[in-house]
Structure formats: structure tokens, C-alpha cells
Amino acid sequence: MAEVRLENVVKLYGKKKAVKGVSFTCREGEFFSILGPTGAGKTTILKMIAGIEDVTSGKIYFNGHVVNNLPPQQRNVSMAFESYNLYPHMNVYENIAFPLRAPRWGLNLSPKEERKKVEEIASFLGIKELLDRLPQHLSGGQKQRVSLARALVRKGEVYLLDEPIAHLDARLKFSTQTLLKEFAHNYKSTIIYVTHDFREALALSDRMAILRKGLIEQEGTPEEIYYRPATDFVGRLVGEPPMNLVDGEITTKEGKTFFRAGDDFIIKIKDDLVESMKKVAREENGHIVTRLGIRPEHIKLSREKISDNSFQLPIYAIVHEAESSVVTFELKDSFLYARTEGFCEYEQSEKIWLEFDQNHMFFYKKTVGISK
């Protein structure tokens, strides 16, 4: 297994800069995810690591050795793409076995050894009964698992997985995530995993990077990314409902600092948050304004007044989920979401009290829109 390190990697397509100086390290044996929206540059980074795309500038290291000029066959990586890329004239067994037979790897397996490896990974992914079928007789989910099996069957230095389970239904996606975690643990594999689904990244990763328009917005563990998002973009990207972002004015009265977003939304800010709030504040139309971020589960609701720092809003809508309810409030420019445990007994249009847990409250520079 290899440690993979990117150092200020840039990729240009003509004058368009698809990747804008990306640096990160995927440690040996680590499951590292790159999460971002479509067009962020995720697949381009994976292709540069594999050697399929050239690096415009910067360096890529495997175990401390620069691999920029090495062709794909000399990097010893295994890849699976969102597109299946299965050979239509070969059955499932032959598609999975194909990397084991490639002369460039020099494995020289006996038929018995080859079948053992193919059947082992096919059983692991629940597709052993499909080995004699041709790709045209498979469902989209089955094709995707065959593509994944083909990538995992050969032990490479690095596994590069690009949206490998995007087309699976919810049940298969969950079970395949479990298998991928088990594979990573059992084989101590170095895996770099690309996805646009924050749930996959949080569930699978040891660490992850958030990519936005060719730049890394934040890097850290899933816990760090979710509970301490560095920017409003990360807060909105990771979570469902997304992190609440509220734009408001900073005011002071009698030595105390307040955040105000309309006549009904006024909260006193804890002293230890005032500095971070003012650090990202800006002047707008003669007022000092900033952006507050808080996740729905960190907003407390009650029919009774909670404290002097609580405020009232009417309920706009309620959505009941399996183990919780999401209560929505309408603000001037956006919606505010609060998650309650269990089945919520509040009613639409009812005016109730809200209080923010300031231990889980953040302030950000404004970089994303929050319109309804």
C-alpha cells in the first residue's frame, strides 16, 4: 500500500483551470474521500493520480517518490468509475478476471488461483451467481458491483474509486458501503474515494477533503467536517437538512453584543463568540453584518419560554421522519430548520420558542446564496 501526496497540483484545459493548486495527503492504509458538487474537479484529481491525465504543475508522490512522469501501468493503481466500462463480449467472470491477466502486472496466476480470487471478490460483493452472465443481462446496480469487483480483485498500491456505488438503490448502497469499510479494514488498503454524496463520505472516510471549484475548502475527519465546518459552503454541503445560515446585523447595547435578523430574531452572543463573529463581519448599507451558522439539531424548541435568550417564531411546516421531526420556520430571506427527537406534536402556524445552542454556533464570511 502507498501513501499518496499531492503538492500544489494544478490542471489546465486550455485557459480553464479545473484544479487550482490542490494539496493533501492520503496516508498509507487510509480511506480518504474527496467530496464536492459536480464540476468541482474531483474526477480530474483522481485521473491525475492514476496517470490518465497529465499534471499541468505541482507534484504527485507515491511513498515519497514523484510519479508525475510515470504512465498508469507503472503506478500500480486500481480504478473504478461511475461509468461501468464493462467489456460487452465478456461474461462477468472474465470482466472481473481481466486485470489479473494483464501482462503489465506479471501475476501469472494459474486458472485455479485466478478463479479463487474472482470468486472471493464476487462473493464478497454478492454477485457470485452472476459470473456466467453477459453485461447486457445485468441491471445497472449489478453492473456497478461488477465494475467495483474488477477494481478490487487485484491488490494495487492505491484504489481510486470514482462514484463507484452511485447507481445502487438505497438498500444495496448501504450494504456495499459496509463491504467497502470491511474491505479497507481487512486489507489495510489505501483508498481515495470520490463522491458528491456527503452521507457516503461521512460513513466511509477516515478523513475527507471538501472540494469547491478546484480548491480544497476544508480537510479533516468526518466529525470535524460535520461539527466544525470551516465555511458556509461546507456547512450547507454536508448535512440534511443543511446547516442553517442566517444573515443579520451585529448590535451592541450596555456593553453586550447581539445578533439581529428582523424584529423577532434577536439573540445575545456569548462573550467567547464575539471575537469570531466580528472577525468575519462586513459593512453593508451602514450596518455591521455577519452570517450565523447552526445545525438543525442544535436548536431547542418549546411551547414555554426557555430563557431570556430565546425568541418566538410561527411554524411554517413540519416534516415527520422515522425517529425525528423537522420543523421549518420562515425568515425574511430563507428558511430555518430545527430537528426534534421523536414525533413532534407542534402544529403548523403555532408560535413557539426557539433557543440556539451557542456551543455549536458559528459565524462565517458570506460565500454562498441562501435564498428560499
Protein backbone atom coordinates (compact mmCIF):
# COMPACT_ATOMS: atom_id res chain seq x y z
CA MET A 1 0.00 0.00 0.00
CA ALA A 2 1.15 3.53 -0.72
CA GLU A 3 0.92 6.96 0.85
CA VAL A 4 -0.31 9.43 -1.78
CA ARG A 5 0.57 13.11 -1.51
CA LEU A 6 -0.45 15.96 -3.78
CA GLU A 7 1.61 19.14 -3.62
CA ASN A 8 0.09 22.29 -5.18
CA VAL A 9 -1.34 20.33 -8.13
CA VAL A 10 -2.81 22.38 -10.98
CA LYS A 11 -4.68 21.19 -14.07
CA LEU A 12 -5.40 23.42 -17.06
CA TYR A 13 -7.65 22.59 -20.01
CA GLY A 14 -6.64 25.34 -22.39
CA LYS A 15 -7.14 28.51 -20.37
CA LYS A 16 -9.61 26.89 -17.98
CA LYS A 17 -8.15 26.00 -14.61
CA ALA A 18 -10.00 22.86 -13.47
CA VAL A 19 -7.78 22.21 -10.43
CA LYS A 20 -6.23 25.26 -8.77
CA GLY A 21 -3.36 24.19 -6.55
CA VAL A 22 -4.61 21.22 -4.55
CA SER A 23 -2.51 19.74 -1.73
CA PHE A 24 -3.44 16.83 0.52
CA THR A 25 -2.02 13.56 1.85
CA CYS A 26 -3.80 10.20 1.86
CA ARG A 27 -1.85 8.14 4.38
CA GLU A 28 -0.96 4.52 3.82
CA GLY A 29 -3.95 2.31 4.61
CA GLU A 30 -6.31 5.27 4.87
CA PHE A 31 -9.81 5.68 3.41
CA PHE A 32 -9.73 9.25 2.09
CA SER A 33 -12.77 10.79 0.39
CA ILE A 34 -12.97 13.82 -1.89
CA LEU A 35 -16.43 15.35 -1.60
CA GLY A 36 -17.79 18.12 -3.77
CA PRO A 37 -20.50 19.13 -6.24
CA THR A 38 -20.46 18.32 -9.94
CA GLY A 39 -17.71 20.21 -11.74
CA ALA A 40 -15.56 20.76 -8.65
CA GLY A 41 -12.60 18.83 -10.13
CA LYS A 42 -12.92 15.55 -8.20
CA THR A 43 -12.61 13.15 -11.14
CA THR A 44 -9.81 15.22 -12.69
CA ILE A 45 -7.78 14.82 -9.48
CA LEU A 46 -8.37 11.06 -9.49
CA LYS A 47 -7.30 10.79 -13.13
CA MET A 48 -4.08 12.74 -12.43
CA ILE A 49 -3.28 10.39 -9.54
CA ALA A 50 -3.86 7.42 -11.87
CA GLY A 51 -1.74 8.95 -14.63
CA ILE A 52 -4.65 9.14 -17.09
CA GLU A 53 -4.43 12.94 -17.09
CA ASP A 54 -1.17 14.90 -17.09
CA VAL A 55 -0.40 17.34 -14.27
CA THR A 56 -0.02 20.92 -15.52
CA SER A 57 2.06 21.89 -12.48
CA GLY A 58 2.70 20.62 -8.98
CA LYS A 59 3.75 17.13 -7.88
CA ILE A 60 2.13 13.82 -7.02
CA TYR A 61 4.05 11.48 -4.71
CA PHE A 62 3.63 7.76 -4.03
CA ASN A 63 5.55 6.83 -0.87
CA GLY A 64 7.69 9.94 -1.25
CA HIS A 65 8.57 9.37 -4.91
CA VAL A 66 7.34 11.75 -7.62
CA VAL A 67 5.17 9.87 -10.14
CA ASN A 68 4.23 12.75 -12.48
CA ASN A 69 6.07 11.20 -15.43
CA LEU A 70 5.12 7.58 -14.77
CA PRO A 71 2.49 6.06 -17.11
CA PRO A 72 -0.59 4.46 -15.50
CA GLN A 73 0.77 0.90 -15.81
CA GLN A 74 3.78 1.81 -13.67
CA ARG A 75 1.76 3.37 -10.83
CA ASN A 76 0.07 0.10 -9.81
CA VAL A 77 -3.34 1.64 -9.10
CA SER A 78 -6.77 0.06 -9.42
CA MET A 79 -9.67 2.23 -10.57
CA ALA A 80 -13.45 2.01 -10.67
CA PHE A 81 -15.50 4.71 -12.37
CA GLU A 82 -19.15 5.71 -12.14
CA SER A 83 -19.47 4.50 -15.75
CA TYR A 84 -19.18 0.74 -15.74
CA ASN A 85 -16.79 0.29 -18.72
CA LEU A 86 -17.52 -3.44 -18.89
CA TYR A 87 -16.48 -5.45 -21.94
CA PRO A 88 -19.81 -6.46 -23.56
CA HIS A 89 -18.44 -9.64 -25.20
CA MET A 90 -17.06 -10.99 -21.90
CA ASN A 91 -19.13 -12.53 -19.13
CA VAL A 92 -18.94 -11.27 -15.56
CA TYR A 93 -16.19 -13.73 -14.60
CA GLU A 94 -13.97 -12.62 -17.49
CA ASN A 95 -14.61 -8.93 -16.81
CA ILE A 96 -13.54 -9.32 -13.19
CA ALA A 97 -10.56 -11.51 -14.12
CA PHE A 98 -9.31 -9.14 -16.81
CA PRO A 99 -6.88 -7.16 -14.55
CA LEU A 100 -5.43 -10.43 -13.23
CA ARG A 101 -4.50 -11.46 -16.76
CA ALA A 102 -2.94 -8.15 -17.87
CA PRO A 103 0.73 -8.79 -18.83
CA ARG A 104 1.84 -5.46 -17.30
CA TRP A 105 1.17 -6.78 -13.79
CA GLY A 106 3.02 -10.04 -14.33
CA LEU A 107 0.83 -12.04 -11.94
CA ASN A 108 0.95 -15.29 -13.98
CA LEU A 109 -1.82 -16.90 -11.94
CA SER A 110 -2.89 -20.48 -12.56
CA PRO A 111 -6.54 -20.98 -13.57
CA LYS A 112 -7.25 -22.26 -10.06
CA GLU A 113 -5.61 -19.25 -8.40
CA GLU A 114 -7.44 -16.86 -10.71
CA ARG A 115 -10.83 -18.44 -10.03
CA LYS A 116 -10.22 -18.31 -6.30
CA LYS A 117 -9.56 -14.56 -6.44
CA VAL A 118 -12.52 -13.83 -8.73
CA GLU A 119 -14.95 -15.92 -6.70
CA GLU A 120 -13.69 -14.42 -3.45
CA ILE A 121 -14.36 -10.81 -4.50
CA ALA A 122 -17.61 -11.78 -6.27
CA SER A 123 -18.87 -13.48 -3.12
CA PHE A 124 -17.74 -10.51 -1.05
CA LEU A 125 -19.86 -8.15 -3.20
CA GLY A 126 -22.81 -10.54 -3.53
CA ILE A 127 -22.53 -11.19 -7.28
CA LYS A 128 -21.13 -14.73 -7.40
CA GLU A 129 -24.31 -16.05 -9.02
CA LEU A 130 -23.80 -13.60 -11.92
CA LEU A 131 -20.39 -14.86 -13.06
CA ASP A 132 -21.69 -16.58 -16.21
CA ARG A 133 -23.87 -13.67 -17.37
CA LEU A 134 -23.04 -11.11 -20.04
CA PRO A 135 -23.21 -7.40 -19.11
CA GLN A 136 -26.31 -6.79 -21.24
CA HIS A 137 -28.21 -9.17 -18.97
CA LEU A 138 -27.36 -7.21 -15.80
CA SER A 139 -29.17 -4.38 -14.06
CA GLY A 140 -27.42 -1.06 -13.55
CA GLY A 141 -26.71 -1.90 -9.91
CA GLN A 142 -25.28 -5.30 -10.85
CA LYS A 143 -23.04 -3.71 -13.49
CA GLN A 144 -21.75 -1.25 -10.93
CA ARG A 145 -20.85 -4.01 -8.48
CA VAL A 146 -19.08 -5.92 -11.27
CA SER A 147 -17.09 -2.79 -12.10
CA LEU A 148 -16.19 -2.42 -8.42
CA ALA A 149 -15.19 -6.10 -8.19
CA ARG A 150 -12.88 -5.67 -11.18
CA ALA A 151 -11.15 -2.77 -9.41
CA LEU A 152 -10.79 -4.61 -6.09
CA VAL A 153 -9.78 -8.07 -7.36
CA ARG A 154 -6.15 -7.10 -7.91
CA LYS A 155 -4.15 -5.78 -4.99
CA GLY A 156 -2.87 -2.40 -6.15
CA GLU A 157 -0.80 0.20 -4.31
CA VAL A 158 -3.83 2.51 -4.31
CA TYR A 159 -7.53 2.03 -5.05
CA LEU A 160 -9.10 5.00 -6.84
CA LEU A 161 -12.90 4.83 -6.69
CA ASP A 162 -14.95 7.42 -8.59
CA GLU A 163 -18.63 7.35 -7.54
CA PRO A 164 -18.47 3.52 -7.53
CA ILE A 165 -21.88 2.96 -5.93
CA ALA A 166 -23.78 5.99 -7.25
CA HIS A 167 -26.33 3.91 -9.20
CA LEU A 168 -27.19 1.41 -6.46
CA ASP A 169 -30.56 1.59 -4.76
CA ALA A 170 -30.68 2.63 -1.10
CA ARG A 171 -30.56 -0.91 0.30
CA LEU A 172 -27.66 -2.05 -1.89
CA LYS A 173 -25.82 1.22 -1.36
CA PHE A 174 -25.88 0.74 2.41
CA SER A 175 -24.73 -2.89 2.22
CA THR A 176 -21.97 -2.04 -0.27
CA GLN A 177 -20.74 0.79 1.96
CA THR A 178 -20.45 -1.77 4.76
CA LEU A 179 -18.49 -4.11 2.47
CA LEU A 180 -16.14 -1.32 1.38
CA LYS A 181 -15.39 -0.47 5.00
CA GLU A 182 -14.76 -4.15 5.71
CA PHE A 183 -12.51 -4.43 2.64
CA ALA A 184 -10.50 -1.36 3.68
CA HIS A 185 -10.09 -2.70 7.21
CA ASN A 186 -9.24 -6.29 6.28
CA TYR A 187 -6.72 -5.45 3.56
CA LYS A 188 -5.33 -2.23 5.12
CA SER A 189 -5.99 -0.62 1.74
CA THR A 190 -5.15 2.91 0.66
CA ILE A 191 -8.39 4.15 -0.90
CA ILE A 192 -9.12 7.54 -2.46
CA TYR A 193 -12.86 7.79 -2.97
CA VAL A 194 -14.69 10.46 -4.97
CA THR A 195 -18.33 11.26 -4.29
CA HIS A 196 -20.91 14.05 -4.35
CA ASP A 197 -22.93 12.33 -1.60
CA PHE A 198 -22.00 13.63 1.85
CA ARG A 199 -23.59 10.60 3.50
CA GLU A 200 -21.16 8.25 1.74
CA ALA A 201 -18.18 10.41 2.66
CA LEU A 202 -19.17 10.65 6.32
CA ALA A 203 -19.92 6.92 6.56
CA LEU A 204 -16.79 5.62 4.83
CA SER A 205 -13.93 8.02 5.43
CA ASP A 206 -11.10 8.11 7.89
CA ARG A 207 -10.51 11.64 6.60
CA MET A 208 -12.01 13.70 3.80
CA ALA A 209 -11.49 16.85 1.76
CA ILE A 210 -14.21 19.22 0.58
CA LEU A 211 -13.56 20.43 -2.96
CA ARG A 212 -15.08 23.60 -4.42
CA LYS A 213 -14.28 24.92 -7.90
CA GLY A 214 -10.89 23.22 -7.99
CA LEU A 215 -9.84 24.25 -4.48
CA ILE A 216 -9.93 22.45 -1.14
CA GLU A 217 -12.33 24.24 1.17
CA GLN A 218 -11.65 22.06 4.24
CA GLU A 219 -9.83 18.84 5.13
CA GLY A 220 -10.41 16.75 8.25
CA THR A 221 -12.15 13.80 9.84
CA PRO A 222 -15.89 13.31 9.21
CA GLU A 223 -16.53 14.58 12.75
CA GLU A 224 -14.51 17.75 12.14
CA ILE A 225 -16.21 18.39 8.81
CA TYR A 226 -19.72 17.91 10.18
CA TYR A 227 -19.44 19.51 13.62
CA ARG A 228 -16.89 22.23 12.81
CA PRO A 229 -17.43 23.29 9.19
CA ALA A 230 -14.84 25.90 8.26
CA THR A 231 -17.03 27.81 5.79
CA ASP A 232 -20.68 28.38 4.98
CA PHE A 233 -20.19 26.29 1.82
CA VAL A 234 -19.08 23.24 3.84
CA GLY A 235 -21.94 23.74 6.31
CA ARG A 236 -24.51 23.74 3.51
CA LEU A 237 -22.93 20.86 1.57
CA VAL A 238 -22.72 18.43 4.49
CA GLY A 239 -25.98 17.70 6.29
CA GLU A 240 -29.70 17.18 5.61
CA PRO A 241 -31.42 19.47 6.30
CA PRO A 242 -28.38 21.64 5.61
CA MET A 243 -26.81 23.90 8.19
CA ASN A 244 -28.96 26.97 8.82
CA LEU A 245 -27.33 30.16 7.57
CA VAL A 246 -28.82 33.42 8.78
CA ASP A 247 -27.61 36.86 7.72
CA GLY A 248 -28.04 39.54 10.36
CA GLU A 249 -26.76 42.69 11.98
CA ILE A 250 -24.35 42.98 14.89
CA THR A 251 -25.56 45.45 17.51
CA THR A 252 -24.33 46.43 20.96
CA LYS A 253 -26.22 47.69 23.97
CA GLU A 254 -24.95 48.32 27.52
CA GLY A 255 -21.70 46.51 26.75
CA LYS A 256 -23.48 43.41 25.40
CA THR A 257 -23.33 42.14 21.80
CA PHE A 258 -26.41 40.96 19.92
CA PHE A 259 -27.17 39.28 16.59
CA ARG A 260 -30.35 40.59 14.99
CA ALA A 261 -32.18 39.22 11.95
CA GLY A 262 -35.52 41.01 11.88
CA ASP A 263 -37.69 42.25 14.71
CA ASP A 264 -38.38 38.83 16.24
CA PHE A 265 -34.94 37.26 15.85
CA ILE A 266 -32.58 38.80 18.41
CA ILE A 267 -30.07 36.83 20.49
CA LYS A 268 -27.34 37.89 22.89
CA ILE A 269 -23.98 36.44 21.83
CA LYS A 270 -21.72 34.72 24.37
CA ASP A 271 -18.60 36.72 25.16
CA ASP A 272 -16.28 33.99 23.85
CA LEU A 273 -18.01 34.10 20.42
CA VAL A 274 -17.94 37.87 19.94
CA GLU A 275 -14.39 37.97 18.57
CA SER A 276 -15.03 35.23 15.97
CA MET A 277 -18.25 36.97 14.95
CA LYS A 278 -16.60 40.35 14.44
CA LYS A 279 -13.65 38.77 12.62
CA VAL A 280 -15.87 37.80 9.66
CA ALA A 281 -18.20 40.82 9.84
CA ARG A 282 -18.56 43.27 6.98
CA GLU A 283 -20.12 46.69 6.48
CA GLU A 284 -23.29 46.78 4.42
CA ASN A 285 -25.51 49.84 3.93
CA GLY A 286 -24.10 51.47 7.03
CA HIS A 287 -24.63 48.37 9.21
CA ILE A 288 -22.15 45.78 10.52
CA VAL A 289 -23.45 42.42 9.35
CA THR A 290 -22.35 38.80 9.51
CA ARG A 291 -23.60 35.28 8.78
CA LEU A 292 -24.60 32.88 11.57
CA GLY A 293 -24.50 29.11 11.08
CA ILE A 294 -26.13 26.44 13.23
CA ARG A 295 -27.25 22.88 12.53
CA PRO A 296 -30.95 21.97 12.97
CA GLU A 297 -30.27 19.58 15.86
CA HIS A 298 -28.71 22.38 17.90
CA ILE A 299 -31.90 24.45 18.05
CA LYS A 300 -34.13 23.79 21.05
CA LEU A 301 -37.92 24.21 20.73
CA SER A 302 -40.57 24.66 23.40
CA ARG A 303 -44.10 26.00 23.93
CA GLU A 304 -42.77 27.69 27.07
CA LYS A 305 -40.13 30.40 27.15
CA ILE A 306 -36.75 28.67 27.52
CA SER A 307 -34.56 31.54 28.71
CA ASP A 308 -34.02 35.27 28.27
CA ASN A 309 -32.08 34.42 25.11
CA SER A 310 -34.93 32.57 23.38
CA PHE A 311 -37.26 34.06 20.77
CA GLN A 312 -40.57 33.17 19.14
CA LEU A 313 -41.43 32.32 15.54
CA PRO A 314 -44.52 30.76 13.91
CA ILE A 315 -44.14 27.28 12.42
CA TYR A 316 -44.14 27.26 8.63
CA ALA A 317 -44.17 23.46 8.10
CA ILE A 318 -43.44 20.15 9.86
CA VAL A 319 -42.00 17.01 8.27
CA HIS A 320 -42.16 13.81 10.34
CA GLU A 321 -39.34 11.31 9.85
CA ALA A 322 -38.74 7.85 11.31
CA GLU A 323 -37.06 8.93 14.54
CA SER A 324 -37.39 12.71 14.45
CA SER A 325 -39.30 15.66 13.04
CA VAL A 326 -38.01 18.65 11.10
CA VAL A 327 -39.76 21.90 11.97
CA THR A 328 -39.42 24.73 9.45
CA PHE A 329 -39.70 28.45 10.20
CA GLU A 330 -39.84 31.21 7.60
CA LEU A 331 -37.37 34.06 7.82
CA LYS A 332 -37.17 37.13 5.60
CA ASP A 333 -34.67 35.67 3.13
CA SER A 334 -34.54 31.96 3.97
CA PHE A 335 -36.00 29.08 5.94
CA LEU A 336 -34.79 28.00 9.38
CA TYR A 337 -34.83 24.27 10.20
CA ALA A 338 -34.91 22.65 13.64
CA ARG A 339 -34.77 18.90 14.27
CA THR A 340 -36.58 17.41 17.26
CA GLU A 341 -36.26 13.90 18.68
CA GLY A 342 -39.27 11.65 18.23
CA PHE A 343 -42.65 12.61 16.80
CA CYS A 344 -43.26 16.34 17.02
CA GLU A 345 -46.67 17.39 18.41
CA TYR A 346 -46.47 21.04 17.37
CA GLU A 347 -48.92 22.35 14.78
CA GLN A 348 -48.46 24.41 11.65
CA SER A 349 -48.70 28.20 12.28
CA GLU A 350 -48.25 27.67 16.03
CA LYS A 351 -45.89 30.24 17.51
CA ILE A 352 -43.23 28.57 19.65
CA TRP A 353 -39.98 29.45 21.42
CA LEU A 354 -36.56 28.73 19.94
CA GLU A 355 -33.12 28.81 21.55
CA PHE A 356 -29.76 28.30 19.85
CA ASP A 357 -27.05 26.19 21.49
CA GLN A 358 -24.20 28.67 21.21
CA ASN A 359 -21.63 25.94 21.84
CA HIS A 360 -22.49 24.75 18.31
CA MET A 361 -22.91 28.13 16.63
CA PHE A 362 -20.54 29.58 14.01
CA PHE A 363 -20.00 32.81 12.12
CA TYR A 364 -18.87 32.95 8.51
CA LYS A 365 -17.96 35.18 5.64
CA LYS A 366 -20.74 35.14 3.07
CA THR A 367 -19.75 32.91 0.13
CA VAL A 368 -22.95 31.05 -0.85
CA GLY A 369 -26.52 32.07 -1.51
CA ILE A 370 -29.29 31.10 0.94
CA SER A 371 -32.47 32.13 -0.86
CA LYS A 372 -35.64 30.14 -0.26
